[in-house]
Amino acid sequence: MFMHYKFANDCWKEVNLWGKIELYMTSSGSFSSIIFVILRVLVVENRVRFVAILWNIWRARSACLW
């Protein structure tokens, strides 16, 4: 969901994070393991941005479903 949809990809690209997370988002593994790897490799500023965007993508998805 956080990488396969155009909306999500556009969000990551808009905040200049896609180049930093693409390798991890397209790797195999559980969702939680991928997220924790990304959080380990990003610098603090990008971690904050990543979590904020991740939350907003999730929120937008939920708004469409409900």
PDB file of N, CA and C in Angstrom:
ATOM      1  N   MET A   1       0.809  -1.191   0.000  1.00  0.00           N
ATOM      2  CA  MET A   1       0.000   0.000   0.000  1.00  0.00           C
ATOM      3  C   MET A   1       0.854   1.257   0.000  1.00  0.00           C
ATOM      4  N   PHE A   2       1.932   1.255   0.733  1.00  0.00           N
ATOM      5  CA  PHE A   2       2.729   2.461   0.870  1.00  0.00           C
ATOM      6  C   PHE A   2       3.724   2.649  -0.261  1.00  0.00           C
ATOM      7  N   MET A   3       3.748   1.703  -1.181  1.00  0.00           N
ATOM      8  CA  MET A   3       4.674   1.850  -2.292  1.00  0.00           C
ATOM      9  C   MET A   3       4.055   1.507  -3.630  1.00  0.00           C
ATOM     10  N   HIS A   4       2.977   0.733  -3.658  1.00  0.00           N
ATOM     11  CA  HIS A   4       2.429   0.264  -4.918  1.00  0.00           C
ATOM     12  C   HIS A   4       1.408   1.204  -5.535  1.00  0.00           C
ATOM     13  N   TYR A   5       0.981   2.197  -4.826  1.00  0.00           N
ATOM     14  CA  TYR A   5      -0.035   3.100  -5.338  1.00  0.00           C
ATOM     15  C   TYR A   5       0.590   4.415  -5.760  1.00  0.00           C
ATOM     16  N   LYS A   6       0.096   4.944  -6.876  1.00  0.00           N
ATOM     17  CA  LYS A   6       0.647   6.181  -7.416  1.00  0.00           C
ATOM     18  C   LYS A   6       0.597   7.304  -6.386  1.00  0.00           C
ATOM     19  N   PHE A   7      -0.506   7.417  -5.665  1.00  0.00           N
ATOM     20  CA  PHE A   7      -0.633   8.470  -4.653  1.00  0.00           C
ATOM     21  C   PHE A   7       0.499   8.386  -3.631  1.00  0.00           C
ATOM     22  N   ALA A   8       0.765   7.194  -3.140  1.00  0.00           N
ATOM     23  CA  ALA A   8       1.821   7.016  -2.139  1.00  0.00           C
ATOM     24  C   ALA A   8       3.187   7.342  -2.737  1.00  0.00           C
ATOM     25  N   ASN A   9       3.453   6.841  -3.934  1.00  0.00           N
ATOM     26  CA  ASN A   9       4.738   7.138  -4.581  1.00  0.00           C
ATOM     27  C   ASN A   9       4.911   8.630  -4.796  1.00  0.00           C
ATOM     28  N   ASP A  10       3.852   9.287  -5.224  1.00  0.00           N
ATOM     29  CA  ASP A  10       3.920  10.735  -5.437  1.00  0.00           C
ATOM     30  C   ASP A  10       4.204  11.475  -4.134  1.00  0.00           C
ATOM     31  N   CYS A  11       3.636  10.997  -3.040  1.00  0.00           N
ATOM     32  CA  CYS A  11       3.897  11.618  -1.731  1.00  0.00           C
ATOM     33  C   CYS A  11       5.367  11.496  -1.358  1.00  0.00           C
ATOM     34  N   TRP A  12       5.924  10.293  -1.496  1.00  0.00           N
ATOM     35  CA  TRP A  12       7.339  10.080  -1.161  1.00  0.00           C
ATOM     36  C   TRP A  12       8.241  10.924  -2.044  1.00  0.00           C
ATOM     37  N   LYS A  13       7.895  11.032  -3.325  1.00  0.00           N
ATOM     38  CA  LYS A  13       8.709  11.829  -4.247  1.00  0.00           C
ATOM     39  C   LYS A  13       8.603  13.315  -3.940  1.00  0.00           C
ATOM     40  N   GLU A  14       7.420  13.763  -3.588  1.00  0.00           N
ATOM     41  CA  GLU A  14       7.195  15.182  -3.293  1.00  0.00           C
ATOM     42  C   GLU A  14       8.069  15.683  -2.141  1.00  0.00           C
ATOM     43  N   VAL A  15       8.307  14.847  -1.166  1.00  0.00           N
ATOM     44  CA  VAL A  15       9.129  15.249  -0.007  1.00  0.00           C
ATOM     45  C   VAL A  15      10.574  14.754  -0.134  1.00  0.00           C
ATOM     46  N   ASN A  16      10.936  14.350  -1.340  1.00  0.00           N
ATOM     47  CA  ASN A  16      12.311  13.917  -1.645  1.00  0.00           C
ATOM     48  C   ASN A  16      12.795  12.748  -0.783  1.00  0.00           C
ATOM     49  N   LEU A  17      11.899  11.828  -0.495  1.00  0.00           N
ATOM     50  CA  LEU A  17      12.298  10.646   0.268  1.00  0.00           C
ATOM     51  C   LEU A  17      12.345   9.375  -0.577  1.00  0.00           C
ATOM     52  N   TRP A  18      11.711   9.381  -1.732  1.00  0.00           N
ATOM     53  CA  TRP A  18      11.610   8.148  -2.507  1.00  0.00           C
ATOM     54  C   TRP A  18      12.980   7.567  -2.826  1.00  0.00           C
ATOM     55  N   GLY A  19      13.935   8.398  -3.208  1.00  0.00           N
ATOM     56  CA  GLY A  19      15.272   7.907  -3.514  1.00  0.00           C
ATOM     57  C   GLY A  19      15.965   7.281  -2.319  1.00  0.00           C
ATOM     58  N   LYS A  20      15.598   7.707  -1.125  1.00  0.00           N
ATOM     59  CA  LYS A  20      16.214   7.184   0.093  1.00  0.00           C
ATOM     60  C   LYS A  20      15.556   5.901   0.597  1.00  0.00           C
ATOM     61  N   ILE A  21      14.286   5.689   0.237  1.00  0.00           N
ATOM     62  CA  ILE A  21      13.549   4.544   0.786  1.00  0.00           C
ATOM     63  C   ILE A  21      13.154   3.501  -0.252  1.00  0.00           C
ATOM     64  N   GLU A  22      13.301   3.812  -1.531  1.00  0.00           N
ATOM     65  CA  GLU A  22      12.825   2.915  -2.583  1.00  0.00           C
ATOM     66  C   GLU A  22      13.392   1.505  -2.454  1.00  0.00           C
ATOM     67  N   LEU A  23      14.678   1.401  -2.231  1.00  0.00           N
ATOM     68  CA  LEU A  23      15.321   0.089  -2.112  1.00  0.00           C
ATOM     69  C   LEU A  23      14.662  -0.740  -1.011  1.00  0.00           C
ATOM     70  N   TYR A  24      14.361  -0.123   0.102  1.00  0.00           N
ATOM     71  CA  TYR A  24      13.781  -0.845   1.240  1.00  0.00           C
ATOM     72  C   TYR A  24      12.301  -1.137   1.016  1.00  0.00           C
ATOM     73  N   MET A  25      11.582  -0.194   0.434  1.00  0.00           N
ATOM     74  CA  MET A  25      10.150  -0.385   0.211  1.00  0.00           C
ATOM     75  C   MET A  25       9.872  -1.486  -0.798  1.00  0.00           C
ATOM     76  N   THR A  26      10.811  -1.717  -1.690  1.00  0.00           N
ATOM     77  CA  THR A  26      10.591  -2.750  -2.705  1.00  0.00           C
ATOM     78  C   THR A  26      11.215  -4.091  -2.318  1.00  0.00           C
ATOM     79  N   SER A  27      11.816  -4.149  -1.135  1.00  0.00           N
ATOM     80  CA  SER A  27      12.400  -5.418  -0.691  1.00  0.00           C
ATOM     81  C   SER A  27      11.327  -6.303  -0.081  1.00  0.00           C
ATOM     82  N   SER A  28      11.641  -7.568   0.011  1.00  0.00           N
ATOM     83  CA  SER A  28      10.693  -8.469   0.638  1.00  0.00           C
ATOM     84  C   SER A  28      10.900  -8.429   2.142  1.00  0.00           C
ATOM     85  N   GLY A  29       9.902  -8.796   2.836  1.00  0.00           N
ATOM     86  CA  GLY A  29       9.945  -8.793   4.288  1.00  0.00           C
ATOM     87  C   GLY A  29       8.608  -8.331   4.822  1.00  0.00           C
ATOM     88  N   SER A  30       8.448  -8.459   6.094  1.00  0.00           N
ATOM     89  CA  SER A  30       7.186  -8.021   6.685  1.00  0.00           C
ATOM     90  C   SER A  30       7.124  -6.502   6.672  1.00  0.00           C
ATOM     91  N   PHE A  31       5.929  -5.991   6.711  1.00  0.00           N
ATOM     92  CA  PHE A  31       5.733  -4.543   6.713  1.00  0.00           C
ATOM     93  C   PHE A  31       6.504  -3.896   7.856  1.00  0.00           C
ATOM     94  N   SER A  32       6.374  -4.456   9.046  1.00  0.00           N
ATOM     95  CA  SER A  32       7.038  -3.851  10.203  1.00  0.00           C
ATOM     96  C   SER A  32       8.560  -3.901  10.079  1.00  0.00           C
ATOM     97  N   SER A  33       9.110  -4.994   9.555  1.00  0.00           N
ATOM     98  CA  SER A  33      10.566  -5.066   9.426  1.00  0.00           C
ATOM     99  C   SER A  33      11.082  -4.041   8.416  1.00  0.00           C
ATOM    100  N   ILE A  34      10.345  -3.832   7.336  1.00  0.00           N
ATOM    101  CA  ILE A  34      10.738  -2.835   6.342  1.00  0.00           C
ATOM    102  C   ILE A  34      10.716  -1.437   6.962  1.00  0.00           C
ATOM    103  N   ILE A  35       9.663  -1.129   7.708  1.00  0.00           N
ATOM    104  CA  ILE A  35       9.539   0.190   8.344  1.00  0.00           C
ATOM    105  C   ILE A  35      10.683   0.412   9.326  1.00  0.00           C
ATOM    106  N   PHE A  36      10.996  -0.581  10.142  1.00  0.00           N
ATOM    107  CA  PHE A  36      12.063  -0.411  11.130  1.00  0.00           C
ATOM    108  C   PHE A  36      13.441  -0.291  10.480  1.00  0.00           C
ATOM    109  N   VAL A  37      13.660  -0.970   9.374  1.00  0.00           N
ATOM    110  CA  VAL A  37      14.929  -0.812   8.648  1.00  0.00           C
ATOM    111  C   VAL A  37      15.039   0.623   8.124  1.00  0.00           C
ATOM    112  N   ILE A  38      13.973   1.106   7.537  1.00  0.00           N
ATOM    113  CA  ILE A  38      13.984   2.478   7.020  1.00  0.00           C
ATOM    114  C   ILE A  38      14.256   3.466   8.146  1.00  0.00           C
ATOM    115  N   LEU A  39      13.615   3.272   9.285  1.00  0.00           N
ATOM    116  CA  LEU A  39      13.832   4.187  10.409  1.00  0.00           C
ATOM    117  C   LEU A  39      15.274   4.140  10.915  1.00  0.00           C
ATOM    118  N   ARG A  40      15.920   3.003  10.806  1.00  0.00           N
ATOM    119  CA  ARG A  40      17.326   2.890  11.232  1.00  0.00           C
ATOM    120  C   ARG A  40      18.277   3.609  10.289  1.00  0.00           C
ATOM    121  N   VAL A  41      17.989   3.583   8.992  1.00  0.00           N
ATOM    122  CA  VAL A  41      18.944   4.127   8.030  1.00  0.00           C
ATOM    123  C   VAL A  41      18.770   5.616   7.756  1.00  0.00           C
ATOM    124  N   LEU A  42      17.609   6.151   8.030  1.00  0.00           N
ATOM    125  CA  LEU A  42      17.387   7.575   7.765  1.00  0.00           C
ATOM    126  C   LEU A  42      17.966   8.449   8.875  1.00  0.00           C
ATOM    127  N   VAL A  43      18.394   9.641   8.504  1.00  0.00           N
ATOM    128  CA  VAL A  43      18.812  10.618   9.509  1.00  0.00           C
ATOM    129  C   VAL A  43      17.559  11.126  10.214  1.00  0.00           C
ATOM    130  N   VAL A  44      17.730  11.719  11.379  1.00  0.00           N
ATOM    131  CA  VAL A  44      16.595  12.102  12.228  1.00  0.00           C
ATOM    132  C   VAL A  44      15.567  12.958  11.481  1.00  0.00           C
ATOM    133  N   GLU A  45      16.021  13.963  10.774  1.00  0.00           N
ATOM    134  CA  GLU A  45      15.092  14.844  10.056  1.00  0.00           C
ATOM    135  C   GLU A  45      14.224  14.054   9.080  1.00  0.00           C
ATOM    136  N   ASN A  46      14.841  13.128   8.368  1.00  0.00           N
ATOM    137  CA  ASN A  46      14.085  12.320   7.413  1.00  0.00           C
ATOM    138  C   ASN A  46      13.205  11.281   8.100  1.00  0.00           C
ATOM    139  N   ARG A  47      13.597  10.824   9.269  1.00  0.00           N
ATOM    140  CA  ARG A  47      12.735   9.897  10.030  1.00  0.00           C
ATOM    141  C   ARG A  47      11.418  10.572  10.370  1.00  0.00           C
ATOM    142  N   VAL A  48      11.510  11.795  10.850  1.00  0.00           N
ATOM    143  CA  VAL A  48      10.310  12.549  11.221  1.00  0.00           C
ATOM    144  C   VAL A  48       9.419  12.734   9.994  1.00  0.00           C
ATOM    145  N   ARG A  49      10.011  13.120   8.885  1.00  0.00           N
ATOM    146  CA  ARG A  49       9.258  13.317   7.640  1.00  0.00           C
ATOM    147  C   ARG A  49       8.634  12.001   7.187  1.00  0.00           C
ATOM    148  N   PHE A  50       9.408  10.915   7.263  1.00  0.00           N
ATOM    149  CA  PHE A  50       8.918   9.602   6.847  1.00  0.00           C
ATOM    150  C   PHE A  50       7.693   9.184   7.655  1.00  0.00           C
ATOM    151  N   VAL A  51       7.777   9.300   8.977  1.00  0.00           N
ATOM    152  CA  VAL A  51       6.659   8.900   9.842  1.00  0.00           C
ATOM    153  C   VAL A  51       5.427   9.768   9.575  1.00  0.00           C
ATOM    154  N   ALA A  52       5.628  11.065   9.393  1.00  0.00           N
ATOM    155  CA  ALA A  52       4.501  11.963   9.129  1.00  0.00           C
ATOM    156  C   ALA A  52       3.813  11.611   7.814  1.00  0.00           C
ATOM    157  N   ILE A  53       4.592  11.357   6.774  1.00  0.00           N
ATOM    158  CA  ILE A  53       4.004  10.993   5.477  1.00  0.00           C
ATOM    159  C   ILE A  53       3.328   9.630   5.555  1.00  0.00           C
ATOM    160  N   LEU A  54       3.978   8.684   6.209  1.00  0.00           N
ATOM    161  CA  LEU A  54       3.405   7.353   6.369  1.00  0.00           C
ATOM    162  C   LEU A  54       2.038   7.437   7.050  1.00  0.00           C
ATOM    163  N   TRP A  55       1.963   8.218   8.105  1.00  0.00           N
ATOM    164  CA  TRP A  55       0.701   8.389   8.836  1.00  0.00           C
ATOM    165  C   TRP A  55      -0.360   9.022   7.944  1.00  0.00           C
ATOM    166  N   ASN A  56       0.011  10.024   7.178  1.00  0.00           N
ATOM    167  CA  ASN A  56      -0.967  10.705   6.335  1.00  0.00           C
ATOM    168  C   ASN A  56      -1.430   9.852   5.160  1.00  0.00           C
ATOM    169  N   ILE A  57      -0.553   9.011   4.622  1.00  0.00           N
ATOM    170  CA  ILE A  57      -0.983   8.076   3.581  1.00  0.00           C
ATOM    171  C   ILE A  57      -1.997   7.095   4.172  1.00  0.00           C
ATOM    172  N   TRP A  58      -1.698   6.603   5.369  1.00  0.00           N
ATOM    173  CA  TRP A  58      -2.615   5.681   6.043  1.00  0.00           C
ATOM    174  C   TRP A  58      -3.963   6.358   6.303  1.00  0.00           C
ATOM    175  N   ARG A  59      -3.918   7.606   6.760  1.00  0.00           N
ATOM    176  CA  ARG A  59      -5.137   8.361   7.051  1.00  0.00           C
ATOM    177  C   ARG A  59      -5.963   8.586   5.789  1.00  0.00           C
ATOM    178  N   ALA A  60      -5.293   8.930   4.690  1.00  0.00           N
ATOM    179  CA  ALA A  60      -5.991   9.146   3.418  1.00  0.00           C
ATOM    180  C   ALA A  60      -6.635   7.854   2.935  1.00  0.00           C
ATOM    181  N   ARG A  61      -5.939   6.754   3.108  1.00  0.00           N
ATOM    182  CA  ARG A  61      -6.482   5.445   2.732  1.00  0.00           C
ATOM    183  C   ARG A  61      -7.723   5.117   3.549  1.00  0.00           C
ATOM    184  N   SER A  62      -7.635   5.348   4.847  1.00  0.00           N
ATOM    185  CA  SER A  62      -8.778   5.068   5.711  1.00  0.00           C
ATOM    186  C   SER A  62      -9.961   5.956   5.374  1.00  0.00           C
ATOM    187  N   ALA A  63      -9.708   7.195   5.035  1.00  0.00           N
ATOM    188  CA  ALA A  63     -10.791   8.120   4.687  1.00  0.00           C
ATOM    189  C   ALA A  63     -11.519   7.647   3.425  1.00  0.00           C
ATOM    190  N   CYS A  64     -10.779   7.052   2.492  1.00  0.00           N
ATOM    191  CA  CYS A  64     -11.403   6.539   1.271  1.00  0.00           C
ATOM    192  C   CYS A  64     -12.248   5.304   1.556  1.00  0.00           C
ATOM    193  N   LEU A  65     -11.825   4.516   2.526  1.00  0.00           N
ATOM    194  CA  LEU A  65     -12.544   3.278   2.838  1.00  0.00           C
ATOM    195  C   LEU A  65     -13.798   3.525   3.681  1.00  0.00           C
ATOM    196  N   TRP A  66     -13.756   4.511   4.514  1.00  0.00           N
ATOM    197  CA  TRP A  66     -14.868   4.738   5.427  1.00  0.00           C
ATOM    198  C   TRP A  66     -15.605   5.976   4.995  1.00  0.00           C
TER     199      TRP A  66
END
